Protein backbone atom coordinates (compact mmCIF):
# COMPACT_ATOMS: atom_id res chain seq x y z
CA MET A 1 172.92 105.44 1.87
CA SER A 2 169.14 105.49 1.92
CA LYS A 3 166.99 105.11 -1.17
CA HIS A 4 166.22 108.29 -3.06
CA THR A 5 163.19 108.54 -5.28
CA CYS A 6 162.10 111.03 -7.89
CA HIS A 7 160.66 114.22 -6.39
CA TRP A 8 157.67 114.19 -8.74
CA PRO A 9 154.59 113.49 -6.61
CA GLY A 10 153.61 109.85 -6.81
CA CYS A 11 156.70 108.71 -8.70
CA THR A 12 158.50 105.82 -7.04
CA LYS A 13 161.46 105.50 -9.41
CA GLU A 14 164.78 105.40 -7.63
CA VAL A 15 167.35 107.94 -8.77
CA PRO A 16 170.89 108.75 -7.68
CA PRO A 17 170.85 110.96 -4.56
CA ALA A 18 172.29 113.97 -6.39
CA MET A 19 169.49 113.91 -8.96
CA TRP A 20 166.17 115.73 -8.56
CA GLY A 21 164.13 113.12 -10.33
CA CYS A 22 163.80 110.45 -12.96
CA ARG A 23 164.59 111.31 -16.56
CA ASN A 24 160.95 111.55 -17.65
CA HIS A 25 159.91 113.88 -14.87
CA TRP A 26 163.09 115.96 -14.98
CA PHE A 27 162.47 116.73 -18.63
CA ALA A 28 158.76 117.35 -17.96
CA LEU A 29 159.86 120.45 -16.04
CA PRO A 30 160.36 123.63 -18.06
CA LYS A 31 164.01 124.38 -18.71
CA GLU A 32 163.75 127.49 -16.52
CA LEU A 33 162.84 125.34 -13.51
CA ARG A 34 165.56 122.79 -14.24
CA ASP A 35 168.09 125.61 -14.52
CA ALA A 36 166.83 127.12 -11.26
CA ILE A 37 167.34 123.82 -9.44
CA TRP A 38 170.91 123.53 -10.74
CA ARG A 39 171.65 127.16 -9.81
CA VAL A 40 170.84 126.57 -6.14
CA TYR A 41 172.07 122.98 -5.81
CA VAL A 42 175.17 122.70 -3.62
CA PRO A 43 177.29 119.63 -4.38
CA GLY A 44 177.15 117.24 -1.44
CA GLN A 45 173.85 118.48 -0.02
CA GLU A 46 172.39 115.04 -0.65
CA ILE A 47 175.05 113.58 1.65
CA THR A 48 174.91 116.17 4.42
CA LYS A 49 171.11 116.44 4.14
CA THR A 50 171.46 120.22 4.44
CA PRO A 51 170.13 121.84 1.28
CA SER A 52 170.45 125.60 1.16
CA PRO A 53 167.43 127.77 1.96
CA GLU A 54 167.48 128.80 -1.71
CA TYR A 55 167.25 125.17 -2.79
CA ILE A 56 164.28 124.59 -0.49
CA VAL A 57 162.48 127.65 -1.88
CA THR A 58 163.16 126.52 -5.44
CA ALA A 59 162.03 122.97 -4.69
CA ARG A 60 158.75 124.34 -3.33
CA LEU A 61 158.26 126.46 -6.44
CA VAL A 62 158.78 123.37 -8.57
CA GLN A 63 156.23 121.42 -6.52
CA GLU A 64 153.74 124.30 -6.90
CA TRP A 65 154.29 124.27 -10.67
CA ILE A 66 153.68 120.50 -10.77
CA LYS A 67 150.52 120.84 -8.67
CA ALA A 68 149.14 123.62 -10.91
CA ARG A 69 149.97 121.56 -14.01
CA GLU A 70 148.23 118.48 -12.63
CA GLU A 71 145.17 120.47 -11.54
CA SER A 72 144.79 122.00 -15.00
CA LYS A 73 144.62 118.61 -16.72
CA PRO A 74 141.13 117.66 -17.92
């Protein structure tokens, strides 16, 4: 199986394929976003490489949240 890294932009920590990201970055997300990811996650999608359209939409929303958060930092 190929290496899987945290989905937080710029993070290079390896995480298990079924995990969105490293512990620090996972818990940096608001609970609502973490819950949203779990709601649309389909077990095994990391193996088949076929996430649901809902997962892709949610993942994009999370990336937009991260980008807005990073841009608002002084």
